[in-house]
Amino acid sequence: MESQKKNRKPLIALLVVALIGIIGGTFAYFTDTTTFENIFKLGKYETTTTETFTSPKDWTPGTTTPKTVTVQNTGNVDVAVRVSIEQSWTKKDNGGNLPNLKFKTDTKLADPAGTEDIAHINFSSGDNWQQSGNYWYYKTKLTAGASTEAFIDSVTFNKDFLVGKTCKTVKDGGAESPECTSYNMDYSEASYKLVIKVETVQFDAYKTIWPEASEVTIS
């Protein structure tokens, strides 16, 4: 009888170990996974530039031609705006470029070192545009639906610029011949080109994208 009792203890111990193994293995398979699906829809970035201009065919000194350029934020992302300009004169039939849009007030003849513009840009009378370097910045951010004031109002062919010639008769022995002095006759039938370049960028990045704007505050 005593030998049979001694053999029961190891069997009970083995059963307990086996049970613990089963319980441990069962808990190891409990898992939990949760998924959150989040959609981020970007704002609409869109701007529209509007120009009002009719090219004149008979531009003469003293003539003013209306020209306006405005920018509207047609999206819903706040926008910063800047503008630059380029000007050039070309002889008729693409015969080459003409002097640098200036003339001296004493002679009124084309002169690269002159002080008066042949074509004078009439900038907007408002105070919302600020020049810095080669750019003009709109000082107010454009929110959704907002528009800038006009950048310029018109362009005037300076009334003091001389176009024409004077002649006098010169005698050489018994012969007479005209001697003429021309006043910028190369500008007859010439073409003046004004290029306005408009740039826009999302408002909160304008100083990063336009480092030249460090001296300008747009608010």
C-alpha atoms as a PDB file:
ATOM      1  CA  MET A   1       0.000   0.000   0.000  1.00  0.00           C
ATOM      2  CA  GLU A   2       2.744   2.478   0.856  1.00  0.00           C
ATOM      3  CA  SER A   3       4.466   2.038  -2.529  1.00  0.00           C
ATOM      4  CA  GLN A   4       1.266   2.942  -4.400  1.00  0.00           C
ATOM      5  CA  LYS A   5       0.876   6.247  -2.514  1.00  0.00           C
ATOM      6  CA  LYS A   6       4.416   7.316  -3.365  1.00  0.00           C
ATOM      7  CA  ASN A   7       3.724   6.933  -7.092  1.00  0.00           C
ATOM      8  CA  ARG A   8       0.726   9.357  -7.072  1.00  0.00           C
ATOM      9  CA  LYS A   9       2.687  12.514  -6.210  1.00  0.00           C
ATOM     10  CA  PRO A  10       4.758  12.787  -9.412  1.00  0.00           C
ATOM     11  CA  LEU A  11       1.616  12.233 -11.471  1.00  0.00           C
ATOM     12  CA  ILE A  12      -0.183  15.135  -9.768  1.00  0.00           C
ATOM     13  CA  ALA A  13       2.834  17.369 -10.265  1.00  0.00           C
ATOM     14  CA  LEU A  14       2.957  16.539 -13.963  1.00  0.00           C
ATOM     15  CA  LEU A  15      -0.718  17.344 -14.337  1.00  0.00           C
ATOM     16  CA  VAL A  16      -0.258  20.742 -12.740  1.00  0.00           C
ATOM     17  CA  VAL A  17       2.639  21.577 -15.032  1.00  0.00           C
ATOM     18  CA  ALA A  18       0.623  20.514 -18.039  1.00  0.00           C
ATOM     19  CA  LEU A  19      -2.316  22.663 -16.941  1.00  0.00           C
ATOM     20  CA  ILE A  20      -0.115  25.704 -16.467  1.00  0.00           C
ATOM     21  CA  GLY A  21       1.283  25.177 -19.928  1.00  0.00           C
ATOM     22  CA  ILE A  22      -2.165  25.079 -21.432  1.00  0.00           C
ATOM     23  CA  ILE A  23      -3.290  28.241 -19.607  1.00  0.00           C
ATOM     24  CA  GLY A  24      -0.125  30.080 -20.592  1.00  0.00           C
ATOM     25  CA  GLY A  25      -0.508  29.109 -24.198  1.00  0.00           C
ATOM     26  CA  THR A  26      -4.152  30.207 -24.289  1.00  0.00           C
ATOM     27  CA  PHE A  27      -3.455  33.762 -22.981  1.00  0.00           C
ATOM     28  CA  ALA A  28      -0.649  34.240 -25.472  1.00  0.00           C
ATOM     29  CA  TYR A  29      -3.185  34.375 -28.349  1.00  0.00           C
ATOM     30  CA  PHE A  30      -5.298  37.298 -27.115  1.00  0.00           C
ATOM     31  CA  THR A  31      -4.614  40.353 -29.437  1.00  0.00           C
ATOM     32  CA  ASP A  32      -6.329  43.626 -30.220  1.00  0.00           C
ATOM     33  CA  THR A  33      -6.004  45.909 -33.302  1.00  0.00           C
ATOM     34  CA  THR A  34      -7.642  49.280 -33.787  1.00  0.00           C
ATOM     35  CA  THR A  35      -7.452  51.300 -37.080  1.00  0.00           C
ATOM     36  CA  PHE A  36      -8.262  54.998 -37.412  1.00  0.00           C
ATOM     37  CA  GLU A  37      -8.773  56.293 -40.959  1.00  0.00           C
ATOM     38  CA  ASN A  38      -8.221  60.062 -41.213  1.00  0.00           C
ATOM     39  CA  ILE A  39      -8.606  62.004 -44.442  1.00  0.00           C
ATOM     40  CA  PHE A  40      -6.954  65.425 -44.819  1.00  0.00           C
ATOM     41  CA  LYS A  41      -8.337  67.404 -47.747  1.00  0.00           C
ATOM     42  CA  LEU A  42      -6.081  70.175 -49.038  1.00  0.00           C
ATOM     43  CA  GLY A  43      -7.331  73.709 -49.529  1.00  0.00           C
ATOM     44  CA  LYS A  44      -7.829  75.061 -53.031  1.00  0.00           C
ATOM     45  CA  TYR A  45      -4.972  77.293 -54.209  1.00  0.00           C
ATOM     46  CA  GLU A  46      -6.058  79.412 -57.167  1.00  0.00           C
ATOM     47  CA  THR A  47      -5.586  83.020 -58.273  1.00  0.00           C
ATOM     48  CA  THR A  48      -6.880  84.957 -61.266  1.00  0.00           C
ATOM     49  CA  THR A  49      -5.133  87.927 -62.886  1.00  0.00           C
ATOM     50  CA  THR A  50      -7.272  90.416 -64.810  1.00  0.00           C
ATOM     51  CA  GLU A  51      -5.937  93.012 -67.249  1.00  0.00           C
ATOM     52  CA  THR A  52      -7.811  95.907 -68.833  1.00  0.00           C
ATOM     53  CA  PHE A  53      -5.921  97.182 -71.875  1.00  0.00           C
ATOM     54  CA  THR A  54      -6.448  98.042 -75.538  1.00  0.00           C
ATOM     55  CA  SER A  55      -3.306  98.404 -77.642  1.00  0.00           C
ATOM     56  CA  PRO A  56      -3.182 101.862 -79.303  1.00  0.00           C
ATOM     57  CA  LYS A  57      -2.248 102.135 -82.970  1.00  0.00           C
ATOM     58  CA  ASP A  58      -1.466 105.856 -83.008  1.00  0.00           C
ATOM     59  CA  TRP A  59       0.394 106.491 -79.752  1.00  0.00           C
ATOM     60  CA  THR A  60       1.718 110.046 -79.841  1.00  0.00           C
ATOM     61  CA  PRO A  61       3.415 112.331 -77.286  1.00  0.00           C
ATOM     62  CA  GLY A  62       0.899 113.413 -74.661  1.00  0.00           C
ATOM     63  CA  THR A  63      -1.338 110.362 -75.165  1.00  0.00           C
ATOM     64  CA  THR A  64      -2.372 108.362 -72.090  1.00  0.00           C
ATOM     65  CA  THR A  65      -3.548 104.767 -72.505  1.00  0.00           C
ATOM     66  CA  PRO A  66      -5.529 103.088 -69.695  1.00  0.00           C
ATOM     67  CA  LYS A  67      -4.031  99.844 -68.385  1.00  0.00           C
ATOM     68  CA  THR A  68      -4.914  98.086 -65.137  1.00  0.00           C
ATOM     69  CA  VAL A  69      -3.834  94.781 -63.626  1.00  0.00           C
ATOM     70  CA  THR A  70      -5.545  93.202 -60.604  1.00  0.00           C
ATOM     71  CA  VAL A  71      -5.205  89.830 -58.856  1.00  0.00           C
ATOM     72  CA  GLN A  72      -8.021  87.921 -57.131  1.00  0.00           C
ATOM     73  CA  ASN A  73      -7.796  84.967 -54.764  1.00  0.00           C
ATOM     74  CA  THR A  74     -10.291  82.518 -56.274  1.00  0.00           C
ATOM     75  CA  GLY A  75      -9.306  79.695 -53.910  1.00  0.00           C
ATOM     76  CA  ASN A  76      -9.484  79.364 -50.119  1.00  0.00           C
ATOM     77  CA  VAL A  77      -5.769  79.495 -49.206  1.00  0.00           C
ATOM     78  CA  ASP A  78      -4.438  82.911 -48.107  1.00  0.00           C
ATOM     79  CA  VAL A  79      -2.121  84.372 -50.760  1.00  0.00           C
ATOM     80  CA  ALA A  80       0.724  86.918 -51.029  1.00  0.00           C
ATOM     81  CA  VAL A  81       1.216  88.844 -54.310  1.00  0.00           C
ATOM     82  CA  ARG A  82       4.137  90.606 -55.954  1.00  0.00           C
ATOM     83  CA  VAL A  83       4.685  92.153 -59.382  1.00  0.00           C
ATOM     84  CA  SER A  84       7.693  93.063 -61.541  1.00  0.00           C
ATOM     85  CA  ILE A  85       7.891  95.009 -64.808  1.00  0.00           C
ATOM     86  CA  GLU A  86      10.049  95.045 -67.946  1.00  0.00           C
ATOM     87  CA  GLN A  87      10.048  97.732 -70.663  1.00  0.00           C
ATOM     88  CA  SER A  88      11.558  97.862 -74.128  1.00  0.00           C
ATOM     89  CA  TRP A  89      11.419  99.886 -77.337  1.00  0.00           C
ATOM     90  CA  THR A  90      11.885  98.282 -80.754  1.00  0.00           C
ATOM     91  CA  LYS A  91      12.373  99.998 -84.111  1.00  0.00           C
ATOM     92  CA  LYS A  92       9.756  99.422 -86.778  1.00  0.00           C
ATOM     93  CA  ASP A  93       9.917  96.080 -88.582  1.00  0.00           C
ATOM     94  CA  ASN A  94      11.986  94.646 -85.700  1.00  0.00           C
ATOM     95  CA  GLY A  95      14.926  96.806 -86.716  1.00  0.00           C
ATOM     96  CA  GLY A  96      16.611  96.544 -83.312  1.00  0.00           C
ATOM     97  CA  ASN A  97      16.267  98.067 -79.873  1.00  0.00           C
ATOM     98  CA  LEU A  98      16.071 101.790 -79.189  1.00  0.00           C
ATOM     99  CA  PRO A  99      17.750 103.755 -76.348  1.00  0.00           C
ATOM    100  CA  ASN A 100      16.940 103.143 -72.729  1.00  0.00           C
ATOM    101  CA  LEU A 101      13.540 104.823 -72.394  1.00  0.00           C
ATOM    102  CA  LYS A 102      15.034 108.069 -71.077  1.00  0.00           C
ATOM    103  CA  PHE A 103      15.713 111.559 -72.342  1.00  0.00           C
ATOM    104  CA  LYS A 104      17.389 114.615 -70.923  1.00  0.00           C
ATOM    105  CA  THR A 105      15.119 117.492 -70.003  1.00  0.00           C
ATOM    106  CA  ASP A 106      17.367 120.038 -71.731  1.00  0.00           C
ATOM    107  CA  THR A 107      17.561 118.327 -75.137  1.00  0.00           C
ATOM    108  CA  LYS A 108      14.508 116.028 -74.997  1.00  0.00           C
ATOM    109  CA  LEU A 109      16.456 113.569 -77.126  1.00  0.00           C
ATOM    110  CA  ALA A 110      16.774 109.886 -76.302  1.00  0.00           C
ATOM    111  CA  ASP A 111      19.684 109.386 -73.949  1.00  0.00           C
ATOM    112  CA  PRO A 112      20.480 106.331 -71.756  1.00  0.00           C
ATOM    113  CA  ALA A 113      21.675 108.738 -69.056  1.00  0.00           C
ATOM    114  CA  GLY A 114      18.496 110.803 -69.200  1.00  0.00           C
ATOM    115  CA  THR A 115      16.148 111.453 -66.316  1.00  0.00           C
ATOM    116  CA  GLU A 116      12.707 111.466 -67.959  1.00  0.00           C
ATOM    117  CA  ASP A 117      10.845 108.355 -69.140  1.00  0.00           C
ATOM    118  CA  ILE A 118       9.645 108.373 -72.714  1.00  0.00           C
ATOM    119  CA  ALA A 119       6.856 106.053 -71.645  1.00  0.00           C
ATOM    120  CA  HIS A 120       5.687 107.073 -68.183  1.00  0.00           C
ATOM    121  CA  ILE A 121       3.937 104.450 -66.040  1.00  0.00           C
ATOM    122  CA  ASN A 122       1.174 105.916 -63.892  1.00  0.00           C
ATOM    123  CA  PHE A 123       1.127 103.758 -60.782  1.00  0.00           C
ATOM    124  CA  SER A 124      -1.989 103.305 -58.692  1.00  0.00           C
ATOM    125  CA  SER A 125      -2.684 106.198 -56.337  1.00  0.00           C
ATOM    126  CA  GLY A 126      -3.425 103.758 -53.486  1.00  0.00           C
ATOM    127  CA  ASP A 127      -0.847 102.923 -50.810  1.00  0.00           C
ATOM    128  CA  ASN A 128      -1.256  99.142 -50.806  1.00  0.00           C
ATOM    129  CA  TRP A 129       1.699  98.471 -53.115  1.00  0.00           C
ATOM    130  CA  GLN A 130       5.251  98.743 -51.741  1.00  0.00           C
ATOM    131  CA  GLN A 131       8.361  98.684 -53.933  1.00  0.00           C
ATOM    132  CA  SER A 132      11.400  96.779 -52.716  1.00  0.00           C
ATOM    133  CA  GLY A 133      14.221  96.211 -55.195  1.00  0.00           C
ATOM    134  CA  ASN A 134      12.807  95.127 -58.543  1.00  0.00           C
ATOM    135  CA  TYR A 135       9.443  94.086 -57.117  1.00  0.00           C
ATOM    136  CA  TRP A 136       6.224  95.703 -55.939  1.00  0.00           C
ATOM    137  CA  TYR A 137       4.530  93.804 -53.103  1.00  0.00           C
ATOM    138  CA  TYR A 138       0.866  93.981 -52.185  1.00  0.00           C
ATOM    139  CA  LYS A 139       0.944  94.814 -48.482  1.00  0.00           C
ATOM    140  CA  THR A 140      -2.294  93.009 -47.615  1.00  0.00           C
ATOM    141  CA  LYS A 141      -2.698  89.238 -47.788  1.00  0.00           C
ATOM    142  CA  LEU A 142      -5.463  88.065 -50.083  1.00  0.00           C
ATOM    143  CA  THR A 143      -8.036  85.955 -48.274  1.00  0.00           C
ATOM    144  CA  ALA A 144     -10.602  83.870 -50.154  1.00  0.00           C
ATOM    145  CA  GLY A 145     -12.452  86.037 -52.691  1.00  0.00           C
ATOM    146  CA  ALA A 146     -10.364  89.186 -52.056  1.00  0.00           C
ATOM    147  CA  SER A 147      -8.741  91.233 -54.857  1.00  0.00           C
ATOM    148  CA  THR A 148      -5.800  93.620 -55.017  1.00  0.00           C
ATOM    149  CA  GLU A 149      -6.098  97.260 -55.943  1.00  0.00           C
ATOM    150  CA  ALA A 150      -4.950  97.952 -59.500  1.00  0.00           C
ATOM    151  CA  PHE A 151      -1.157  97.850 -59.790  1.00  0.00           C
ATOM    152  CA  ILE A 152      -1.040 100.643 -62.398  1.00  0.00           C
ATOM    153  CA  ASP A 153      -3.718 102.878 -63.886  1.00  0.00           C
ATOM    154  CA  SER A 154      -2.283 103.851 -67.277  1.00  0.00           C
ATOM    155  CA  VAL A 155       0.799 104.604 -69.389  1.00  0.00           C
ATOM    156  CA  THR A 156       1.565 108.026 -70.891  1.00  0.00           C
ATOM    157  CA  PHE A 157       3.770 108.868 -73.868  1.00  0.00           C
ATOM    158  CA  ASN A 158       5.637 111.826 -72.350  1.00  0.00           C
ATOM    159  CA  LYS A 159       4.351 115.042 -73.938  1.00  0.00           C
ATOM    160  CA  ASP A 160       7.804 116.673 -73.698  1.00  0.00           C
ATOM    161  CA  PHE A 161       9.515 114.071 -75.846  1.00  0.00           C
ATOM    162  CA  LEU A 162      10.429 115.457 -79.261  1.00  0.00           C
ATOM    163  CA  VAL A 163       9.662 113.595 -82.470  1.00  0.00           C
ATOM    164  CA  GLY A 164      10.422 115.371 -85.745  1.00  0.00           C
ATOM    165  CA  LYS A 165      13.162 117.291 -87.532  1.00  0.00           C
ATOM    166  CA  THR A 166      14.185 120.803 -88.507  1.00  0.00           C
ATOM    167  CA  CYS A 167      15.835 121.669 -91.785  1.00  0.00           C
ATOM    168  CA  LYS A 168      17.684 124.636 -93.163  1.00  0.00           C
ATOM    169  CA  THR A 169      19.145 125.384 -96.593  1.00  0.00           C
ATOM    170  CA  VAL A 170      22.923 125.299 -96.881  1.00  0.00           C
ATOM    171  CA  LYS A 171      24.783 126.871 -99.807  1.00  0.00           C
ATOM    172  CA  ASP A 172      27.883 125.177-101.132  1.00  0.00           C
ATOM    173  CA  GLY A 173      29.290 127.325-103.876  1.00  0.00           C
ATOM    174  CA  GLY A 174      26.433 127.842-106.265  1.00  0.00           C
ATOM    175  CA  ALA A 175      24.480 124.800-105.089  1.00  0.00           C
ATOM    176  CA  GLU A 176      21.908 124.745-102.319  1.00  0.00           C
ATOM    177  CA  SER A 177      20.990 121.679-100.249  1.00  0.00           C
ATOM    178  CA  PRO A 178      18.871 121.049 -97.179  1.00  0.00           C
ATOM    179  CA  GLU A 179      20.583 120.248 -93.894  1.00  0.00           C
ATOM    180  CA  CYS A 180      18.296 118.602 -91.352  1.00  0.00           C
ATOM    181  CA  THR A 181      18.504 117.805 -87.692  1.00  0.00           C
ATOM    182  CA  SER A 182      16.341 114.909 -86.621  1.00  0.00           C
ATOM    183  CA  TYR A 183      14.683 114.555 -83.242  1.00  0.00           C
ATOM    184  CA  ASN A 184      14.376 110.875 -82.384  1.00  0.00           C
ATOM    185  CA  MET A 185      12.946 109.922 -85.743  1.00  0.00           C
ATOM    186  CA  ASP A 186      13.983 106.314 -85.054  1.00  0.00           C
ATOM    187  CA  TYR A 187      10.950 106.215 -82.793  1.00  0.00           C
ATOM    188  CA  SER A 188       8.588 106.756 -85.715  1.00  0.00           C
ATOM    189  CA  GLU A 189       6.420 103.627 -85.967  1.00  0.00           C
ATOM    190  CA  ALA A 190       8.428 102.005 -83.174  1.00  0.00           C
ATOM    191  CA  SER A 191       6.865  99.643 -80.635  1.00  0.00           C
ATOM    192  CA  TYR A 192       6.874  99.996 -76.875  1.00  0.00           C
ATOM    193  CA  LYS A 193       6.413  96.803 -74.856  1.00  0.00           C
ATOM    194  CA  LEU A 194       5.497  96.715 -71.189  1.00  0.00           C
ATOM    195  CA  VAL A 195       5.607  93.286 -69.545  1.00  0.00           C
ATOM    196  CA  ILE A 196       4.017  92.897 -66.113  1.00  0.00           C
ATOM    197  CA  LYS A 197       4.868  89.662 -64.327  1.00  0.00           C
ATOM    198  CA  VAL A 198       2.561  88.637 -61.478  1.00  0.00           C
ATOM    199  CA  GLU A 199       3.697  86.104 -58.858  1.00  0.00           C
ATOM    200  CA  THR A 200       1.633  84.609 -56.037  1.00  0.00           C
ATOM    201  CA  VAL A 201       2.477  82.239 -53.177  1.00  0.00           C
ATOM    202  CA  GLN A 202       0.677  80.924 -50.108  1.00  0.00           C
ATOM    203  CA  PHE A 203       0.809  83.666 -47.524  1.00  0.00           C
ATOM    204  CA  ASP A 204       2.547  81.848 -44.653  1.00  0.00           C
ATOM    205  CA  ALA A 205       5.540  80.977 -46.875  1.00  0.00           C
ATOM    206  CA  TYR A 206       6.170  84.233 -48.748  1.00  0.00           C
ATOM    207  CA  LYS A 207       9.402  85.151 -46.908  1.00  0.00           C
ATOM    208  CA  THR A 208      10.776  81.658 -47.485  1.00  0.00           C
ATOM    209  CA  ILE A 209       9.912  81.556 -51.184  1.00  0.00           C
ATOM    210  CA  TRP A 210      10.758  85.251 -51.720  1.00  0.00           C
ATOM    211  CA  PRO A 211      13.866  86.030 -49.617  1.00  0.00           C
ATOM    212  CA  GLU A 212      13.973  89.444 -51.330  1.00  0.00           C
ATOM    213  CA  ALA A 213      10.848  90.330 -49.337  1.00  0.00           C
ATOM    214  CA  SER A 214      12.694  90.432 -46.003  1.00  0.00           C
ATOM    215  CA  GLU A 215      12.214  94.205 -45.799  1.00  0.00           C
ATOM    216  CA  VAL A 216       8.494  94.016 -46.602  1.00  0.00           C
ATOM    217  CA  THR A 217       5.677  93.320 -44.165  1.00  0.00           C
ATOM    218  CA  ILE A 218       2.528  91.779 -45.607  1.00  0.00           C
ATOM    219  CA  SER A 219      -0.310  91.479 -43.125  1.00  0.00           C
END
